[in-house]
């Protein structure tokens, strides 16, 4: 029973705290890289941002 409780707490921490931080950092880095136009790295960072937001919405 305790293992399930701790698993849920860890999942909550990831969903509530870590995913929004990762998404916002990826967005900021992508915007800085896109001053001259989109690059492969900036598109990858936008992909990470979108994936983090989708994962958070699924975990809600």
Protein backbone atom coordinates (compact mmCIF):
# COMPACT_ATOMS: atom_id res chain seq x y z
CA UNK A 1 0.00 0.00 0.00
CA UNK A 2 2.82 2.42 0.85
CA UNK A 3 4.51 1.71 -2.47
CA UNK A 4 1.40 2.86 -4.35
CA UNK A 5 1.14 5.98 -2.21
CA UNK A 6 4.74 6.97 -2.86
CA UNK A 7 4.34 6.21 -6.56
CA UNK A 8 1.36 8.53 -6.77
CA UNK A 9 3.21 11.26 -4.88
CA UNK A 10 6.17 10.99 -7.25
CA UNK A 11 3.84 11.12 -10.25
CA UNK A 12 2.14 14.20 -8.82
CA UNK A 13 5.47 15.93 -8.26
CA UNK A 14 6.54 15.23 -11.84
CA UNK A 15 3.21 16.37 -13.27
CA UNK A 16 2.77 19.44 -11.09
CA UNK A 17 6.31 20.78 -10.84
CA UNK A 18 8.81 19.24 -13.20
CA UNK A 19 6.88 19.19 -16.49
CA UNK A 20 5.93 22.90 -16.50
CA UNK A 21 9.52 23.84 -15.65
CA UNK A 22 10.88 21.73 -18.50
CA UNK A 23 8.31 23.15 -20.92
CA UNK A 24 9.04 26.75 -20.01
CA UNK A 25 12.82 26.26 -20.22
CA UNK A 26 12.49 24.61 -23.63
CA UNK A 27 10.29 27.46 -24.87
CA UNK A 28 12.71 30.14 -23.65
CA UNK A 29 15.69 28.43 -25.24
CA UNK A 30 13.81 27.93 -28.51
CA UNK A 31 12.77 31.59 -28.64
CA UNK A 32 16.36 32.72 -28.09
CA UNK A 33 17.59 30.46 -30.87
CA UNK A 34 14.94 31.68 -33.31
CA UNK A 35 16.19 35.26 -33.63
CA UNK A 36 17.41 34.53 -37.17
CA UNK A 37 14.68 32.03 -37.97
CA UNK A 38 13.72 28.51 -36.96
CA UNK A 39 16.49 25.93 -36.71
CA UNK A 40 16.51 22.20 -36.10
CA UNK A 41 17.39 22.75 -32.46
CA UNK A 42 14.61 25.29 -31.90
CA UNK A 43 12.06 23.00 -33.57
CA UNK A 44 13.23 20.17 -31.32
CA UNK A 45 12.85 22.37 -28.27
CA UNK A 46 9.32 23.30 -29.33
CA UNK A 47 8.63 19.59 -29.72
CA UNK A 48 9.85 19.01 -26.15
CA UNK A 49 7.65 21.87 -24.95
CA UNK A 50 4.57 20.44 -26.61
CA UNK A 51 5.28 16.95 -25.33
CA UNK A 52 5.67 18.21 -21.78
CA UNK A 53 2.34 20.06 -21.93
CA UNK A 54 0.59 17.03 -23.46
CA UNK A 55 2.04 14.73 -20.79
CA UNK A 56 0.88 17.06 -18.06
CA UNK A 57 -2.64 17.20 -19.48
CA UNK A 58 -2.77 13.40 -19.68
CA UNK A 59 -1.60 13.02 -16.10
CA UNK A 60 -4.24 15.39 -14.72
